[in-house]
mmCIF file of all heavy atoms, coordinates in Angstrom:
data_MODEL
# 
_entry.id   MODEL 
# 
loop_
_atom_site.group_PDB 
_atom_site.id 
_atom_site.type_symbol 
_atom_site.label_atom_id 
_atom_site.label_alt_id 
_atom_site.label_comp_id 
_atom_site.label_asym_id 
_atom_site.label_entity_id 
_atom_site.label_seq_id 
_atom_site.pdbx_PDB_ins_code 
_atom_site.Cartn_x 
_atom_site.Cartn_y 
_atom_site.Cartn_z 
_atom_site.occupancy 
_atom_site.B_iso_or_equiv 
_atom_site.pdbx_formal_charge 
_atom_site.auth_seq_id 
_atom_site.auth_comp_id 
_atom_site.auth_asym_id 
_atom_site.auth_atom_id 
_atom_site.pdbx_PDB_model_num 
ATOM 1   N N   . ALA A 1 1  ? -7.777  11.210  6.664   1.00 0.00 ? 1  ALA A N   1 
ATOM 2   C CA  . ALA A 1 1  ? -7.024  11.689  7.835   1.00 0.00 ? 1  ALA A CA  1 
ATOM 3   C C   . ALA A 1 1  ? -6.083  12.840  7.428   1.00 0.00 ? 1  ALA A C   1 
ATOM 4   O O   . ALA A 1 1  ? -5.983  13.835  8.161   1.00 0.00 ? 1  ALA A O   1 
ATOM 5   C CB  . ALA A 1 1  ? -6.214  10.552  8.432   1.00 0.00 ? 1  ALA A CB  1 
ATOM 6   N N   . LEU A 1 2  ? -5.475  12.749  6.273   1.00 0.00 ? 2  LEU A N   1 
ATOM 7   C CA  . LEU A 1 2  ? -4.602  13.833  5.798   1.00 0.00 ? 2  LEU A CA  1 
ATOM 8   C C   . LEU A 1 2  ? -5.418  15.077  5.472   1.00 0.00 ? 2  LEU A C   1 
ATOM 9   O O   . LEU A 1 2  ? -5.003  16.199  5.740   1.00 0.00 ? 2  LEU A O   1 
ATOM 10  C CB  . LEU A 1 2  ? -3.800  13.375  4.580   1.00 0.00 ? 2  LEU A CB  1 
ATOM 11  C CG  . LEU A 1 2  ? -2.690  12.359  4.885   1.00 0.00 ? 2  LEU A CG  1 
ATOM 12  C CD1 . LEU A 1 2  ? -2.076  11.845  3.593   1.00 0.00 ? 2  LEU A CD1 1 
ATOM 13  C CD2 . LEU A 1 2  ? -1.626  12.989  5.760   1.00 0.00 ? 2  LEU A CD2 1 
ATOM 14  N N   . SER A 1 3  ? -6.599  14.868  4.926   1.00 0.00 ? 3  SER A N   1 
ATOM 15  C CA  . SER A 1 3  ? -7.484  15.987  4.624   1.00 0.00 ? 3  SER A CA  1 
ATOM 16  C C   . SER A 1 3  ? -7.892  16.725  5.899   1.00 0.00 ? 3  SER A C   1 
ATOM 17  O O   . SER A 1 3  ? -7.977  17.966  5.902   1.00 0.00 ? 3  SER A O   1 
ATOM 18  C CB  . SER A 1 3  ? -8.716  15.465  3.878   1.00 0.00 ? 3  SER A CB  1 
ATOM 19  O OG  . SER A 1 3  ? -9.567  16.523  3.550   1.00 0.00 ? 3  SER A OG  1 
ATOM 20  N N   . GLU A 1 4  ? -8.114  15.999  6.961   1.00 0.00 ? 4  GLU A N   1 
ATOM 21  C CA  . GLU A 1 4  ? -8.510  16.594  8.240   1.00 0.00 ? 4  GLU A CA  1 
ATOM 22  C C   . GLU A 1 4  ? -7.414  17.466  8.848   1.00 0.00 ? 4  GLU A C   1 
ATOM 23  O O   . GLU A 1 4  ? -7.719  18.408  9.585   1.00 0.00 ? 4  GLU A O   1 
ATOM 24  C CB  . GLU A 1 4  ? -8.920  15.526  9.234   1.00 0.00 ? 4  GLU A CB  1 
ATOM 25  C CG  . GLU A 1 4  ? -10.246 14.884  8.928   1.00 0.00 ? 4  GLU A CG  1 
ATOM 26  C CD  . GLU A 1 4  ? -10.597 13.717  9.825   1.00 0.00 ? 4  GLU A CD  1 
ATOM 27  O OE1 . GLU A 1 4  ? -9.883  13.524  10.856  1.00 0.00 ? 4  GLU A OE1 1 
ATOM 28  O OE2 . GLU A 1 4  ? -11.575 13.011  9.523   1.00 0.00 ? 4  GLU A OE2 1 
ATOM 29  N N   . VAL A 1 5  ? -6.130  17.200  8.525   1.00 0.00 ? 5  VAL A N   1 
ATOM 30  C CA  . VAL A 1 5  ? -5.042  18.046  9.015   1.00 0.00 ? 5  VAL A CA  1 
ATOM 31  C C   . VAL A 1 5  ? -4.696  19.144  8.023   1.00 0.00 ? 5  VAL A C   1 
ATOM 32  O O   . VAL A 1 5  ? -3.718  19.849  8.220   1.00 0.00 ? 5  VAL A O   1 
ATOM 33  C CB  . VAL A 1 5  ? -3.777  17.254  9.404   1.00 0.00 ? 5  VAL A CB  1 
ATOM 34  C CG1 . VAL A 1 5  ? -3.793  16.784  10.802  1.00 0.00 ? 5  VAL A CG1 1 
ATOM 35  C CG2 . VAL A 1 5  ? -3.461  16.158  8.440   1.00 0.00 ? 5  VAL A CG2 1 
ATOM 36  N N   . GLY A 1 6  ? -5.512  19.289  6.971   1.00 0.00 ? 6  GLY A N   1 
ATOM 37  C CA  . GLY A 1 6  ? -5.321  20.404  6.061   1.00 0.00 ? 6  GLY A CA  1 
ATOM 38  C C   . GLY A 1 6  ? -4.485  20.140  4.823   1.00 0.00 ? 6  GLY A C   1 
ATOM 39  O O   . GLY A 1 6  ? -4.115  21.076  4.104   1.00 0.00 ? 6  GLY A O   1 
ATOM 40  N N   . ILE A 1 7  ? -4.172  18.888  4.549   1.00 0.00 ? 7  ILE A N   1 
ATOM 41  C CA  . ILE A 1 7  ? -3.378  18.569  3.362   1.00 0.00 ? 7  ILE A CA  1 
ATOM 42  C C   . ILE A 1 7  ? -4.345  18.389  2.195   1.00 0.00 ? 7  ILE A C   1 
ATOM 43  O O   . ILE A 1 7  ? -5.252  17.563  2.244   1.00 0.00 ? 7  ILE A O   1 
ATOM 44  C CB  . ILE A 1 7  ? -2.543  17.287  3.595   1.00 0.00 ? 7  ILE A CB  1 
ATOM 45  C CG1 . ILE A 1 7  ? -1.518  17.612  4.686   1.00 0.00 ? 7  ILE A CG1 1 
ATOM 46  C CG2 . ILE A 1 7  ? -1.877  16.825  2.327   1.00 0.00 ? 7  ILE A CG2 1 
ATOM 47  C CD1 . ILE A 1 7  ? -0.785  16.440  5.213   1.00 0.00 ? 7  ILE A CD1 1 
ATOM 48  N N   . THR A 1 8  ? -4.129  19.189  1.145   1.00 0.00 ? 8  THR A N   1 
ATOM 49  C CA  . THR A 1 8  ? -5.081  19.236  0.062   1.00 0.00 ? 8  THR A CA  1 
ATOM 50  C C   . THR A 1 8  ? -4.677  18.431  -1.171  1.00 0.00 ? 8  THR A C   1 
ATOM 51  O O   . THR A 1 8  ? -5.463  18.207  -2.054  1.00 0.00 ? 8  THR A O   1 
ATOM 52  C CB  . THR A 1 8  ? -5.307  20.712  -0.380  1.00 0.00 ? 8  THR A CB  1 
ATOM 53  O OG1 . THR A 1 8  ? -4.049  21.271  -0.751  1.00 0.00 ? 8  THR A OG1 1 
ATOM 54  C CG2 . THR A 1 8  ? -5.947  21.482  0.739   1.00 0.00 ? 8  THR A CG2 1 
ATOM 55  N N   . GLY A 1 9  ? -3.420  18.023  -1.246  1.00 0.00 ? 9  GLY A N   1 
ATOM 56  C CA  . GLY A 1 9  ? -2.985  17.281  -2.430  1.00 0.00 ? 9  GLY A CA  1 
ATOM 57  C C   . GLY A 1 9  ? -2.038  16.161  -2.070  1.00 0.00 ? 9  GLY A C   1 
ATOM 58  O O   . GLY A 1 9  ? -1.251  16.285  -1.114  1.00 0.00 ? 9  GLY A O   1 
ATOM 59  N N   . LEU A 1 10 ? -2.133  15.063  -2.801  1.00 0.00 ? 10 LEU A N   1 
ATOM 60  C CA  . LEU A 1 10 ? -1.204  13.966  -2.598  1.00 0.00 ? 10 LEU A CA  1 
ATOM 61  C C   . LEU A 1 10 ? -1.088  13.155  -3.887  1.00 0.00 ? 10 LEU A C   1 
ATOM 62  O O   . LEU A 1 10 ? -1.911  13.310  -4.778  1.00 0.00 ? 10 LEU A O   1 
ATOM 63  C CB  . LEU A 1 10 ? -1.627  13.075  -1.421  1.00 0.00 ? 10 LEU A CB  1 
ATOM 64  C CG  . LEU A 1 10 ? -3.050  12.514  -1.387  1.00 0.00 ? 10 LEU A CG  1 
ATOM 65  C CD1 . LEU A 1 10 ? -3.110  11.183  -2.081  1.00 0.00 ? 10 LEU A CD1 1 
ATOM 66  C CD2 . LEU A 1 10 ? -3.498  12.360  0.036   1.00 0.00 ? 10 LEU A CD2 1 
ATOM 67  N N   . THR A 1 11 ? -0.094  12.338  -3.949  1.00 0.00 ? 11 THR A N   1 
ATOM 68  C CA  . THR A 1 11 ? 0.136   11.435  -5.088  1.00 0.00 ? 11 THR A CA  1 
ATOM 69  C C   . THR A 1 11 ? 0.049   10.016  -4.601  1.00 0.00 ? 11 THR A C   1 
ATOM 70  O O   . THR A 1 11 ? 0.619   9.676   -3.557  1.00 0.00 ? 11 THR A O   1 
ATOM 71  C CB  . THR A 1 11 ? 1.520   11.684  -5.723  1.00 0.00 ? 11 THR A CB  1 
ATOM 72  O OG1 . THR A 1 11 ? 1.585   13.067  -6.116  1.00 0.00 ? 11 THR A OG1 1 
ATOM 73  C CG2 . THR A 1 11 ? 1.752   10.788  -6.912  1.00 0.00 ? 11 THR A CG2 1 
ATOM 74  N N   . VAL A 1 12 ? -0.664  9.173   -5.336  1.00 0.00 ? 12 VAL A N   1 
ATOM 75  C CA  . VAL A 1 12 ? -0.847  7.783   -4.968  1.00 0.00 ? 12 VAL A CA  1 
ATOM 76  C C   . VAL A 1 12 ? -0.338  6.896   -6.098  1.00 0.00 ? 12 VAL A C   1 
ATOM 77  O O   . VAL A 1 12 ? -0.652  7.143   -7.271  1.00 0.00 ? 12 VAL A O   1 
ATOM 78  C CB  . VAL A 1 12 ? -2.342  7.477   -4.689  1.00 0.00 ? 12 VAL A CB  1 
ATOM 79  C CG1 . VAL A 1 12 ? -2.551  6.004   -4.428  1.00 0.00 ? 12 VAL A CG1 1 
ATOM 80  C CG2 . VAL A 1 12 ? -2.844  8.326   -3.547  1.00 0.00 ? 12 VAL A CG2 1 
ATOM 81  N N   . THR A 1 13 ? 0.449   5.871   -5.746  1.00 0.00 ? 13 THR A N   1 
ATOM 82  C CA  . THR A 1 13 ? 0.997   4.933   -6.730  1.00 0.00 ? 13 THR A CA  1 
ATOM 83  C C   . THR A 1 13 ? 0.730   3.522   -6.235  1.00 0.00 ? 13 THR A C   1 
ATOM 84  O O   . THR A 1 13 ? 0.933   3.224   -5.047  1.00 0.00 ? 13 THR A O   1 
ATOM 85  C CB  . THR A 1 13 ? 2.517   5.151   -6.876  1.00 0.00 ? 13 THR A CB  1 
ATOM 86  O OG1 . THR A 1 13 ? 2.790   6.513   -7.077  1.00 0.00 ? 13 THR A OG1 1 
ATOM 87  C CG2 . THR A 1 13 ? 3.032   4.353   -8.054  1.00 0.00 ? 13 THR A CG2 1 
ATOM 88  N N   . GLU A 1 14 ? 0.326   2.640   -7.138  1.00 0.00 ? 14 GLU A N   1 
ATOM 89  C CA  . GLU A 1 14 ? 0.192   1.225   -6.801  1.00 0.00 ? 14 GLU A CA  1 
ATOM 90  C C   . GLU A 1 14 ? 1.575   0.606   -6.938  1.00 0.00 ? 14 GLU A C   1 
ATOM 91  O O   . GLU A 1 14 ? 2.215   0.720   -8.004  1.00 0.00 ? 14 GLU A O   1 
ATOM 92  C CB  . GLU A 1 14 ? -0.785  0.519   -7.724  1.00 0.00 ? 14 GLU A CB  1 
ATOM 93  C CG  . GLU A 1 14 ? -2.220  0.961   -7.517  1.00 0.00 ? 14 GLU A CG  1 
ATOM 94  C CD  . GLU A 1 14 ? -3.193  0.226   -8.429  1.00 0.00 ? 14 GLU A CD  1 
ATOM 95  O OE1 . GLU A 1 14 ? -2.824  -0.803  -9.041  1.00 0.00 ? 14 GLU A OE1 1 
ATOM 96  O OE2 . GLU A 1 14 ? -4.337  0.702   -8.532  1.00 0.00 ? 14 GLU A OE2 1 
ATOM 97  N N   . VAL A 1 15 ? 2.067   -0.025  -5.884  1.00 0.00 ? 15 VAL A N   1 
ATOM 98  C CA  . VAL A 1 15 ? 3.402   -0.613  -5.885  1.00 0.00 ? 15 VAL A CA  1 
ATOM 99  C C   . VAL A 1 15 ? 3.319   -2.047  -5.373  1.00 0.00 ? 15 VAL A C   1 
ATOM 100 O O   . VAL A 1 15 ? 2.292   -2.488  -4.861  1.00 0.00 ? 15 VAL A O   1 
ATOM 101 C CB  . VAL A 1 15 ? 4.382   0.211   -5.021  1.00 0.00 ? 15 VAL A CB  1 
ATOM 102 C CG1 . VAL A 1 15 ? 4.589   1.576   -5.614  1.00 0.00 ? 15 VAL A CG1 1 
ATOM 103 C CG2 . VAL A 1 15 ? 3.913   0.310   -3.579  1.00 0.00 ? 15 VAL A CG2 1 
ATOM 104 N N   . LYS A 1 16 ? 4.423   -2.771  -5.501  1.00 0.00 ? 16 LYS A N   1 
ATOM 105 C CA  . LYS A 1 16 ? 4.514   -4.129  -4.947  1.00 0.00 ? 16 LYS A CA  1 
ATOM 106 C C   . LYS A 1 16 ? 5.808   -4.222  -4.175  1.00 0.00 ? 16 LYS A C   1 
ATOM 107 O O   . LYS A 1 16 ? 6.801   -3.605  -4.527  1.00 0.00 ? 16 LYS A O   1 
ATOM 108 C CB  . LYS A 1 16 ? 4.516   -5.168  -6.071  1.00 0.00 ? 16 LYS A CB  1 
ATOM 109 C CG  . LYS A 1 16 ? 3.205   -5.280  -6.774  1.00 0.00 ? 16 LYS A CG  1 
ATOM 110 C CD  . LYS A 1 16 ? 3.218   -6.395  -7.773  1.00 0.00 ? 16 LYS A CD  1 
ATOM 111 C CE  . LYS A 1 16 ? 1.844   -6.477  -8.418  1.00 0.00 ? 16 LYS A CE  1 
ATOM 112 N NZ  . LYS A 1 16 ? 1.631   -7.774  -9.041  1.00 0.00 ? 16 LYS A NZ  1 
ATOM 113 N N   . GLY A 1 17 ? 5.798   -4.990  -3.117  1.00 0.00 ? 17 GLY A N   1 
ATOM 114 C CA  . GLY A 1 17 ? 6.999   -5.145  -2.333  1.00 0.00 ? 17 GLY A CA  1 
ATOM 115 C C   . GLY A 1 17 ? 6.799   -6.116  -1.198  1.00 0.00 ? 17 GLY A C   1 
ATOM 116 O O   . GLY A 1 17 ? 5.733   -6.722  -1.048  1.00 0.00 ? 17 GLY A O   1 
ATOM 117 N N   . PHE A 1 18 ? 7.870   -6.269  -0.400  1.00 0.00 ? 18 PHE A N   1 
ATOM 118 C CA  . PHE A 1 18 ? 7.754   -7.107  0.789   1.00 0.00 ? 18 PHE A CA  1 
ATOM 119 C C   . PHE A 1 18 ? 8.799   -6.641  1.788   1.00 0.00 ? 18 PHE A C   1 
ATOM 120 O O   . PHE A 1 18 ? 9.781   -6.000  1.447   1.00 0.00 ? 18 PHE A O   1 
ATOM 121 C CB  . PHE A 1 18 ? 7.932   -8.599  0.479   1.00 0.00 ? 18 PHE A CB  1 
ATOM 122 C CG  . PHE A 1 18 ? 9.326   -8.971  0.081   1.00 0.00 ? 18 PHE A CG  1 
ATOM 123 C CD1 . PHE A 1 18 ? 10.245  -9.386  1.048   1.00 0.00 ? 18 PHE A CD1 1 
ATOM 124 C CD2 . PHE A 1 18 ? 9.723   -8.934  -1.225  1.00 0.00 ? 18 PHE A CD2 1 
ATOM 125 C CE1 . PHE A 1 18 ? 11.540  -9.745  0.678   1.00 0.00 ? 18 PHE A CE1 1 
ATOM 126 C CE2 . PHE A 1 18 ? 11.006  -9.288  -1.623  1.00 0.00 ? 18 PHE A CE2 1 
ATOM 127 C CZ  . PHE A 1 18 ? 11.909  -9.683  -0.645  1.00 0.00 ? 18 PHE A CZ  1 
ATOM 128 N N   . GLY A 1 19 ? 8.533   -6.943  3.005   1.00 0.00 ? 19 GLY A N   1 
ATOM 129 C CA  . GLY A 1 19 ? 9.458   -6.659  4.103   1.00 0.00 ? 19 GLY A CA  1 
ATOM 130 C C   . GLY A 1 19 ? 9.483   -7.884  4.989   1.00 0.00 ? 19 GLY A C   1 
ATOM 131 O O   . GLY A 1 19 ? 9.687   -9.002  4.496   1.00 0.00 ? 19 GLY A O   1 
ATOM 132 N N   . ARG A 1 20 ? 9.203   -7.724  6.239   1.00 0.00 ? 20 ARG A N   1 
ATOM 133 C CA  . ARG A 1 20 ? 9.176   -8.872  7.159   1.00 0.00 ? 20 ARG A CA  1 
ATOM 134 C C   . ARG A 1 20 ? 8.042   -9.816  6.822   1.00 0.00 ? 20 ARG A C   1 
ATOM 135 O O   . ARG A 1 20 ? 8.029   -10.965 7.185   1.00 0.00 ? 20 ARG A O   1 
ATOM 136 C CB  . ARG A 1 20 ? 9.025   -8.376  8.589   1.00 0.00 ? 20 ARG A CB  1 
ATOM 137 C CG  . ARG A 1 20 ? 10.265  -7.702  9.075   1.00 0.00 ? 20 ARG A CG  1 
ATOM 138 C CD  . ARG A 1 20 ? 10.139  -7.337  10.529  1.00 0.00 ? 20 ARG A CD  1 
ATOM 139 N NE  . ARG A 1 20 ? 11.357  -6.670  10.969  1.00 0.00 ? 20 ARG A NE  1 
ATOM 140 C CZ  . ARG A 1 20 ? 11.413  -5.893  12.000  1.00 0.00 ? 20 ARG A CZ  1 
ATOM 141 N NH1 . ARG A 1 20 ? 10.355  -5.660  12.722  1.00 0.00 ? 20 ARG A NH1 1 
ATOM 142 N NH2 . ARG A 1 20 ? 12.551  -5.349  12.349  1.00 0.00 ? 20 ARG A NH2 1 
ATOM 143 N N   . GLN A 1 21 ? 7.028   -9.298  6.127   1.00 0.00 ? 21 GLN A N   1 
ATOM 144 C CA  . GLN A 1 21 ? 5.864   -10.114 5.768   1.00 0.00 ? 21 GLN A CA  1 
ATOM 145 C C   . GLN A 1 21 ? 6.251   -11.253 4.841   1.00 0.00 ? 21 GLN A C   1 
ATOM 146 O O   . GLN A 1 21 ? 5.655   -12.297 4.859   1.00 0.00 ? 21 GLN A O   1 
ATOM 147 C CB  . GLN A 1 21 ? 4.848   -9.212  5.086   1.00 0.00 ? 21 GLN A CB  1 
ATOM 148 C CG  . GLN A 1 21 ? 3.434   -9.705  5.140   1.00 0.00 ? 21 GLN A CG  1 
ATOM 149 C CD  . GLN A 1 21 ? 2.489   -8.668  4.613   1.00 0.00 ? 21 GLN A CD  1 
ATOM 150 O OE1 . GLN A 1 21 ? 2.856   -7.594  4.157   1.00 0.00 ? 21 GLN A OE1 1 
ATOM 151 N NE2 . GLN A 1 21 ? 1.210   -8.974  4.692   1.00 0.00 ? 21 GLN A NE2 1 
ATOM 152 N N   . LYS A 1 22 ? 7.255   -11.048 4.020   1.00 0.00 ? 22 LYS A N   1 
ATOM 153 C CA  . LYS A 1 22 ? 7.868   -12.063 3.158   1.00 0.00 ? 22 LYS A CA  1 
ATOM 154 C C   . LYS A 1 22 ? 6.965   -12.717 2.134   1.00 0.00 ? 22 LYS A C   1 
ATOM 155 O O   . LYS A 1 22 ? 7.282   -13.752 1.608   1.00 0.00 ? 22 LYS A O   1 
ATOM 156 C CB  . LYS A 1 22 ? 8.509   -13.180 3.992   1.00 0.00 ? 22 LYS A CB  1 
ATOM 157 C CG  . LYS A 1 22 ? 9.597   -12.741 4.919   1.00 0.00 ? 22 LYS A CG  1 
ATOM 158 C CD  . LYS A 1 22 ? 10.925  -12.815 4.240   1.00 0.00 ? 22 LYS A CD  1 
ATOM 159 C CE  . LYS A 1 22 ? 12.086  -12.765 5.174   1.00 0.00 ? 22 LYS A CE  1 
ATOM 160 N NZ  . LYS A 1 22 ? 12.244  -11.571 5.949   1.00 0.00 ? 22 LYS A NZ  1 
ATOM 161 N N   . GLY A 1 23 ? 5.834   -12.170 1.814   1.00 0.00 ? 23 GLY A N   1 
ATOM 162 C CA  . GLY A 1 23 ? 4.934   -12.808 0.839   1.00 0.00 ? 23 GLY A CA  1 
ATOM 163 C C   . GLY A 1 23 ? 4.205   -13.976 1.433   1.00 0.00 ? 23 GLY A C   1 
ATOM 164 O O   . GLY A 1 23 ? 4.197   -14.195 2.627   1.00 0.00 ? 23 GLY A O   1 
ATOM 165 N N   . HIS A 1 24 ? 3.597   -14.771 0.575   1.00 0.00 ? 24 HIS A N   1 
ATOM 166 C CA  . HIS A 1 24 ? 2.845   -15.931 1.024   1.00 0.00 ? 24 HIS A CA  1 
ATOM 167 C C   . HIS A 1 24 ? 2.672   -16.921 -0.117  1.00 0.00 ? 24 HIS A C   1 
ATOM 168 O O   . HIS A 1 24 ? 2.982   -16.614 -1.266  1.00 0.00 ? 24 HIS A O   1 
ATOM 169 C CB  . HIS A 1 24 ? 1.484   -15.510 1.587   1.00 0.00 ? 24 HIS A CB  1 
ATOM 170 C CG  . HIS A 1 24 ? 0.628   -14.818 0.576   1.00 0.00 ? 24 HIS A CG  1 
ATOM 171 N ND1 . HIS A 1 24 ? 0.774   -13.490 0.244   1.00 0.00 ? 24 HIS A ND1 1 
ATOM 172 C CD2 . HIS A 1 24 ? -0.403  -15.277 -0.184  1.00 0.00 ? 24 HIS A CD2 1 
ATOM 173 C CE1 . HIS A 1 24 ? -0.118  -13.169 -0.681  1.00 0.00 ? 24 HIS A CE1 1 
ATOM 174 N NE2 . HIS A 1 24 ? -0.837  -14.212 -0.955  1.00 0.00 ? 24 HIS A NE2 1 
ATOM 175 N N   . THR A 1 25 ? 2.154   -18.120 0.184   1.00 0.00 ? 25 THR A N   1 
ATOM 176 C CA  . THR A 1 25 ? 1.900   -19.102 -0.868  1.00 0.00 ? 25 THR A CA  1 
ATOM 177 C C   . THR A 1 25 ? 0.398   -19.141 -1.136  1.00 0.00 ? 25 THR A C   1 
ATOM 178 O O   . THR A 1 25 ? -0.423  -18.909 -0.231  1.00 0.00 ? 25 THR A O   1 
ATOM 179 C CB  . THR A 1 25 ? 2.377   -20.523 -0.464  1.00 0.00 ? 25 THR A CB  1 
ATOM 180 O OG1 . THR A 1 25 ? 1.751   -20.850 0.775   1.00 0.00 ? 25 THR A OG1 1 
ATOM 181 C CG2 . THR A 1 25 ? 3.864   -20.577 -0.298  1.00 0.00 ? 25 THR A CG2 1 
ATOM 182 N N   . GLU A 1 26 ? 0.062   -19.360 -2.395  1.00 0.00 ? 26 GLU A N   1 
ATOM 183 C CA  . GLU A 1 26 ? -1.342  -19.461 -2.792  1.00 0.00 ? 26 GLU A CA  1 
ATOM 184 C C   . GLU A 1 26 ? -1.540  -20.718 -3.604  1.00 0.00 ? 26 GLU A C   1 
ATOM 185 O O   . GLU A 1 26 ? -0.616  -21.256 -4.189  1.00 0.00 ? 26 GLU A O   1 
ATOM 186 C CB  . GLU A 1 26 ? -1.756  -18.240 -3.640  1.00 0.00 ? 26 GLU A CB  1 
ATOM 187 C CG  . GLU A 1 26 ? -1.867  -16.988 -2.845  1.00 0.00 ? 26 GLU A CG  1 
ATOM 188 C CD  . GLU A 1 26 ? -2.446  -15.819 -3.635  1.00 0.00 ? 26 GLU A CD  1 
ATOM 189 O OE1 . GLU A 1 26 ? -2.807  -16.037 -4.805  1.00 0.00 ? 26 GLU A OE1 1 
ATOM 190 O OE2 . GLU A 1 26 ? -2.525  -14.732 -3.079  1.00 0.00 ? 26 GLU A OE2 1 
ATOM 191 N N   . LEU A 1 27 ? -2.767  -21.178 -3.625  1.00 0.00 ? 27 LEU A N   1 
ATOM 192 C CA  . LEU A 1 27 ? -3.127  -22.367 -4.396  1.00 0.00 ? 27 LEU A CA  1 
ATOM 193 C C   . LEU A 1 27 ? -3.954  -21.904 -5.589  1.00 0.00 ? 27 LEU A C   1 
ATOM 194 O O   . LEU A 1 27 ? -4.948  -21.232 -5.439  1.00 0.00 ? 27 LEU A O   1 
ATOM 195 C CB  . LEU A 1 27 ? -3.937  -23.297 -3.499  1.00 0.00 ? 27 LEU A CB  1 
ATOM 196 C CG  . LEU A 1 27 ? -4.090  -24.742 -3.971  1.00 0.00 ? 27 LEU A CG  1 
ATOM 197 C CD1 . LEU A 1 27 ? -2.714  -25.409 -4.084  1.00 0.00 ? 27 LEU A CD1 1 
ATOM 198 C CD2 . LEU A 1 27 ? -4.953  -25.528 -2.988  1.00 0.00 ? 27 LEU A CD2 1 
ATOM 199 N N   . TYR A 1 28 ? -3.524  -22.274 -6.830  1.00 0.00 ? 28 TYR A N   1 
ATOM 200 C CA  . TYR A 1 28 ? -4.233  -21.897 -8.025  1.00 0.00 ? 28 TYR A CA  1 
ATOM 201 C C   . TYR A 1 28 ? -4.352  -23.120 -8.917  1.00 0.00 ? 28 TYR A C   1 
ATOM 202 O O   . TYR A 1 28 ? -3.332  -23.668 -9.352  1.00 0.00 ? 28 TYR A O   1 
ATOM 203 C CB  . TYR A 1 28 ? -3.480  -20.744 -8.726  1.00 0.00 ? 28 TYR A CB  1 
ATOM 204 C CG  . TYR A 1 28 ? -4.174  -20.307 -10.010 1.00 0.00 ? 28 TYR A CG  1 
ATOM 205 C CD1 . TYR A 1 28 ? -5.372  -19.625 -9.973  1.00 0.00 ? 28 TYR A CD1 1 
ATOM 206 C CD2 . TYR A 1 28 ? -3.610  -20.591 -11.254 1.00 0.00 ? 28 TYR A CD2 1 
ATOM 207 C CE1 . TYR A 1 28 ? -5.995  -19.216 -11.133 1.00 0.00 ? 28 TYR A CE1 1 
ATOM 208 C CE2 . TYR A 1 28 ? -4.233  -20.203 -12.425 1.00 0.00 ? 28 TYR A CE2 1 
ATOM 209 C CZ  . TYR A 1 28 ? -5.431  -19.501 -12.355 1.00 0.00 ? 28 TYR A CZ  1 
ATOM 210 O OH  . TYR A 1 28 ? -6.069  -19.117 -13.515 1.00 0.00 ? 28 TYR A OH  1 
ATOM 211 N N   . ARG A 1 29 ? -5.581  -23.547 -9.157  1.00 0.00 ? 29 ARG A N   1 
ATOM 212 C CA  . ARG A 1 29 ? -5.858  -24.715 -9.977  1.00 0.00 ? 29 ARG A CA  1 
ATOM 213 C C   . ARG A 1 29 ? -5.017  -25.927 -9.550  1.00 0.00 ? 29 ARG A C   1 
ATOM 214 O O   . ARG A 1 29 ? -4.416  -26.624 -10.375 1.00 0.00 ? 29 ARG A O   1 
ATOM 215 C CB  . ARG A 1 29 ? -5.608  -24.414 -11.443 1.00 0.00 ? 29 ARG A CB  1 
ATOM 216 C CG  . ARG A 1 29 ? -6.610  -23.409 -11.974 1.00 0.00 ? 29 ARG A CG  1 
ATOM 217 C CD  . ARG A 1 29 ? -6.536  -23.310 -13.455 1.00 0.00 ? 29 ARG A CD  1 
ATOM 218 N NE  . ARG A 1 29 ? -7.578  -22.383 -13.929 1.00 0.00 ? 29 ARG A NE  1 
ATOM 219 C CZ  . ARG A 1 29 ? -7.784  -22.119 -15.199 1.00 0.00 ? 29 ARG A CZ  1 
ATOM 220 N NH1 . ARG A 1 29 ? -7.055  -22.667 -16.124 1.00 0.00 ? 29 ARG A NH1 1 
ATOM 221 N NH2 . ARG A 1 29 ? -8.722  -21.281 -15.529 1.00 0.00 ? 29 ARG A NH2 1 
# 
């Protein structure tokens, strides 16, 4: 979508966080 509006460069970073979503519980072993 950014490429379609003519933006040719960007920076991408893998991050972790939470907001209203507040995370979740998981079951492991």
